[in-house]
Amino acid sequence: RLTFSPTDWFSLRTGYTMRAQATETATQHWKFASVSGIFRFSFVGGAVGTFFGATLLPYSTYTGHLDNTGEPVSPNPTSMGGEAGLEFNTRYLSTGLTYYVERFTFPITNGAERVDQFSALRLRLGLQLGR
């Protein structure tokens, strides 16, 4: 991921993700680009903070959803994601708890609409120098 922070309270982030998921029938592969806007608010002199963000997923491929000819159907370029969380920072330690969600919508195929949603609760621990 690449992050650009023009201010302390706002940043833009872009990235590319490759993920595989094994199921009983096959291994499914996701590849997608993301563009996020993240808002941060600090408390206790910057030691505690909260953040939330919205993510656009403009390009995605997925091998687990096929059309009636057997070809993979890629998610719509309007698929979205989001995140919210808390952070704690000291001079040497950084921790965070984030709830993250991705929602992929697909074109209507075989008369059915498909939506895949993924969510995760992430715990981050790290060492840092300064802030």
C-alpha atoms as a PDB file:
ATOM      1  CA  ARG A   1       0.000   0.000   0.000  1.00  0.00           C
ATOM      2  CA  LEU A   2       1.049   3.534  -0.682  1.00  0.00           C
ATOM      3  CA  THR A   3      -0.210   6.349   1.576  1.00  0.00           C
ATOM      4  CA  PHE A   4      -0.135  10.109   1.034  1.00  0.00           C
ATOM      5  CA  SER A   5      -0.962  12.252   4.104  1.00  0.00           C
ATOM      6  CA  PRO A   6      -1.272  15.949   3.248  1.00  0.00           C
ATOM      7  CA  THR A   7      -2.537  16.686   6.804  1.00  0.00           C
ATOM      8  CA  ASP A   8      -2.599  14.942  10.194  1.00  0.00           C
ATOM      9  CA  TRP A   9      -6.330  14.313   9.913  1.00  0.00           C
ATOM     10  CA  PHE A  10      -6.636  13.064   6.297  1.00  0.00           C
ATOM     11  CA  SER A  11      -4.760  10.643   4.078  1.00  0.00           C
ATOM     12  CA  LEU A  12      -5.194   8.986   0.697  1.00  0.00           C
ATOM     13  CA  ARG A  13      -4.162   5.375   0.266  1.00  0.00           C
ATOM     14  CA  THR A  14      -3.912   3.133  -2.761  1.00  0.00           C
ATOM     15  CA  GLY A  15      -2.960  -0.506  -3.036  1.00  0.00           C
ATOM     16  CA  TYR A  16      -3.281  -3.808  -4.850  1.00  0.00           C
ATOM     17  CA  THR A  17      -4.331  -7.047  -3.142  1.00  0.00           C
ATOM     18  CA  MET A  18      -3.960 -10.676  -4.231  1.00  0.00           C
ATOM     19  CA  ARG A  19      -5.816 -13.190  -2.083  1.00  0.00           C
ATOM     20  CA  ALA A  20      -6.608 -16.905  -2.403  1.00  0.00           C
ATOM     21  CA  GLN A  21      -9.293 -18.818  -0.543  1.00  0.00           C
ATOM     22  CA  ALA A  22      -9.531 -22.612  -0.500  1.00  0.00           C
ATOM     23  CA  THR A  23     -13.025 -24.124  -0.480  1.00  0.00           C
ATOM     24  CA  GLU A  24     -14.222 -27.709  -0.751  1.00  0.00           C
ATOM     25  CA  THR A  25     -14.633 -27.429  -4.530  1.00  0.00           C
ATOM     26  CA  ALA A  26     -11.732 -25.197  -5.623  1.00  0.00           C
ATOM     27  CA  THR A  27      -9.233 -22.517  -4.708  1.00  0.00           C
ATOM     28  CA  GLN A  28     -10.643 -19.096  -5.538  1.00  0.00           C
ATOM     29  CA  HIS A  29      -8.416 -16.135  -6.390  1.00  0.00           C
ATOM     30  CA  TRP A  30      -9.139 -12.429  -5.832  1.00  0.00           C
ATOM     31  CA  LYS A  31      -7.062  -9.611  -7.314  1.00  0.00           C
ATOM     32  CA  PHE A  32      -8.161  -6.019  -6.802  1.00  0.00           C
ATOM     33  CA  ALA A  33      -6.987  -2.427  -6.693  1.00  0.00           C
ATOM     34  CA  SER A  34      -8.192  -0.054  -3.983  1.00  0.00           C
ATOM     35  CA  VAL A  35      -8.300   3.705  -3.395  1.00  0.00           C
ATOM     36  CA  SER A  36      -9.134   4.958   0.125  1.00  0.00           C
ATOM     37  CA  GLY A  37      -9.760   8.213   1.928  1.00  0.00           C
ATOM     38  CA  ILE A  38      -8.943   7.974   5.662  1.00  0.00           C
ATOM     39  CA  PHE A  39      -9.966  10.507   8.328  1.00  0.00           C
ATOM     40  CA  ARG A  40      -8.145  10.557  11.708  1.00  0.00           C
ATOM     41  CA  PHE A  41      -8.995  12.279  14.978  1.00  0.00           C
ATOM     42  CA  SER A  42      -6.562  12.408  17.912  1.00  0.00           C
ATOM     43  CA  PHE A  43      -7.154  12.619  21.650  1.00  0.00           C
ATOM     44  CA  VAL A  44      -4.904  12.742  24.740  1.00  0.00           C
ATOM     45  CA  GLY A  45      -2.206  14.776  23.001  1.00  0.00           C
ATOM     46  CA  GLY A  46      -2.086  12.428  20.015  1.00  0.00           C
ATOM     47  CA  ALA A  47      -1.546   9.243  22.047  1.00  0.00           C
ATOM     48  CA  VAL A  48      -5.064   7.927  21.340  1.00  0.00           C
ATOM     49  CA  GLY A  49      -6.796   8.252  18.015  1.00  0.00           C
ATOM     50  CA  THR A  50      -9.756   7.064  16.052  1.00  0.00           C
ATOM     51  CA  PHE A  51     -10.100   6.742  12.307  1.00  0.00           C
ATOM     52  CA  PHE A  52     -12.581   5.804   9.631  1.00  0.00           C
ATOM     53  CA  GLY A  53     -12.309   5.485   5.906  1.00  0.00           C
ATOM     54  CA  ALA A  54     -14.124   4.672   2.702  1.00  0.00           C
ATOM     55  CA  THR A  55     -12.610   2.580  -0.077  1.00  0.00           C
ATOM     56  CA  LEU A  56     -13.447   2.308  -3.762  1.00  0.00           C
ATOM     57  CA  LEU A  57     -12.488  -0.973  -5.444  1.00  0.00           C
ATOM     58  CA  PRO A  58     -12.326   0.164  -9.113  1.00  0.00           C
ATOM     59  CA  TYR A  59     -10.731  -2.973 -10.594  1.00  0.00           C
ATOM     60  CA  SER A  60     -11.283  -6.565  -9.463  1.00  0.00           C
ATOM     61  CA  THR A  61     -10.966 -10.083 -10.825  1.00  0.00           C
ATOM     62  CA  TYR A  62     -12.357 -13.209  -9.177  1.00  0.00           C
ATOM     63  CA  THR A  63     -12.211 -16.839 -10.317  1.00  0.00           C
ATOM     64  CA  GLY A  64     -15.126 -18.125  -8.189  1.00  0.00           C
ATOM     65  CA  HIS A  65     -18.135 -16.669 -10.064  1.00  0.00           C
ATOM     66  CA  LEU A  66     -18.799 -17.970 -13.580  1.00  0.00           C
ATOM     67  CA  ASP A  67     -21.301 -16.997 -16.276  1.00  0.00           C
ATOM     68  CA  ASN A  68     -23.363 -19.514 -18.287  1.00  0.00           C
ATOM     69  CA  THR A  69     -20.406 -20.125 -20.661  1.00  0.00           C
ATOM     70  CA  GLY A  70     -18.046 -20.969 -17.780  1.00  0.00           C
ATOM     71  CA  GLU A  71     -16.048 -17.727 -17.962  1.00  0.00           C
ATOM     72  CA  PRO A  72     -15.173 -15.826 -14.745  1.00  0.00           C
ATOM     73  CA  VAL A  73     -17.314 -12.759 -14.000  1.00  0.00           C
ATOM     74  CA  SER A  74     -15.407  -9.797 -12.545  1.00  0.00           C
ATOM     75  CA  PRO A  75     -16.998  -7.621  -9.833  1.00  0.00           C
ATOM     76  CA  ASN A  76     -18.452  -4.212 -10.703  1.00  0.00           C
ATOM     77  CA  PRO A  77     -16.046  -1.230 -10.604  1.00  0.00           C
ATOM     78  CA  THR A  78     -18.403   0.411  -8.079  1.00  0.00           C
ATOM     79  CA  SER A  79     -17.650  -2.136  -5.344  1.00  0.00           C
ATOM     80  CA  MET A  80     -16.890  -0.499  -1.985  1.00  0.00           C
ATOM     81  CA  GLY A  81     -15.149  -1.084   1.319  1.00  0.00           C
ATOM     82  CA  GLY A  82     -14.673   0.683   4.609  1.00  0.00           C
ATOM     83  CA  GLU A  83     -12.845   0.626   7.915  1.00  0.00           C
ATOM     84  CA  ALA A  84     -13.020   2.099  11.387  1.00  0.00           C
ATOM     85  CA  GLY A  85     -10.790   1.722  14.417  1.00  0.00           C
ATOM     86  CA  LEU A  86      -8.825   2.932  17.404  1.00  0.00           C
ATOM     87  CA  GLU A  87      -5.071   3.544  17.746  1.00  0.00           C
ATOM     88  CA  PHE A  88      -2.700   4.033  20.654  1.00  0.00           C
ATOM     89  CA  ASN A  89       0.730   5.584  20.007  1.00  0.00           C
ATOM     90  CA  THR A  90       3.649   6.280  22.282  1.00  0.00           C
ATOM     91  CA  ARG A  91       7.150   7.219  21.269  1.00  0.00           C
ATOM     92  CA  TYR A  92       8.158   3.560  20.731  1.00  0.00           C
ATOM     93  CA  LEU A  93       4.925   1.538  20.546  1.00  0.00           C
ATOM     94  CA  SER A  94       1.997   1.651  18.134  1.00  0.00           C
ATOM     95  CA  THR A  95      -1.119  -0.516  18.489  1.00  0.00           C
ATOM     96  CA  GLY A  96      -4.429  -0.479  16.713  1.00  0.00           C
ATOM     97  CA  LEU A  97      -7.717  -2.325  16.412  1.00  0.00           C
ATOM     98  CA  THR A  98      -9.531  -2.038  13.075  1.00  0.00           C
ATOM     99  CA  TYR A  99     -12.796  -3.402  11.699  1.00  0.00           C
ATOM    100  CA  TYR A 100     -12.523  -3.704   7.915  1.00  0.00           C
ATOM    101  CA  VAL A 101     -15.204  -4.675   5.360  1.00  0.00           C
ATOM    102  CA  GLU A 102     -15.213  -5.164   1.576  1.00  0.00           C
ATOM    103  CA  ARG A 103     -18.422  -5.506  -0.456  1.00  0.00           C
ATOM    104  CA  PHE A 104     -18.129  -6.733  -4.034  1.00  0.00           C
ATOM    105  CA  THR A 105     -21.172  -6.498  -6.301  1.00  0.00           C
ATOM    106  CA  PHE A 106     -21.370  -8.375  -9.590  1.00  0.00           C
ATOM    107  CA  PRO A 107     -23.261  -7.822 -12.851  1.00  0.00           C
ATOM    108  CA  ILE A 108     -26.553  -9.708 -13.028  1.00  0.00           C
ATOM    109  CA  THR A 109     -25.701 -13.157 -14.392  1.00  0.00           C
ATOM    110  CA  ASN A 110     -28.177 -15.939 -15.218  1.00  0.00           C
ATOM    111  CA  GLY A 111     -30.944 -13.733 -13.798  1.00  0.00           C
ATOM    112  CA  ALA A 112     -29.375 -13.566 -10.328  1.00  0.00           C
ATOM    113  CA  GLU A 113     -27.619 -10.759  -8.496  1.00  0.00           C
ATOM    114  CA  ARG A 114     -24.548 -11.703  -6.482  1.00  0.00           C
ATOM    115  CA  VAL A 115     -22.889  -9.795  -3.640  1.00  0.00           C
ATOM    116  CA  ASP A 116     -19.801 -11.053  -1.780  1.00  0.00           C
ATOM    117  CA  GLN A 117     -18.904  -9.387   1.496  1.00  0.00           C
ATOM    118  CA  PHE A 118     -15.784  -9.929   3.578  1.00  0.00           C
ATOM    119  CA  SER A 119     -14.997  -8.486   6.967  1.00  0.00           C
ATOM    120  CA  ALA A 120     -12.118  -8.751   9.398  1.00  0.00           C
ATOM    121  CA  LEU A 121     -11.158  -7.533  12.836  1.00  0.00           C
ATOM    122  CA  ARG A 122      -7.451  -6.649  12.712  1.00  0.00           C
ATOM    123  CA  LEU A 123      -5.103  -6.125  15.644  1.00  0.00           C
ATOM    124  CA  ARG A 124      -1.858  -4.292  14.890  1.00  0.00           C
ATOM    125  CA  LEU A 125       1.198  -4.111  17.161  1.00  0.00           C
ATOM    126  CA  GLY A 126       4.352  -2.309  16.133  1.00  0.00           C
ATOM    127  CA  LEU A 127       7.497  -0.522  17.139  1.00  0.00           C
ATOM    128  CA  GLN A 128       8.209   2.980  15.916  1.00  0.00           C
ATOM    129  CA  LEU A 129      10.650   5.826  16.358  1.00  0.00           C
ATOM    130  CA  GLY A 130       9.018   9.179  16.999  1.00  0.00           C
ATOM    131  CA  ARG A 131       5.630  10.287  15.811  1.00  0.00           C
END
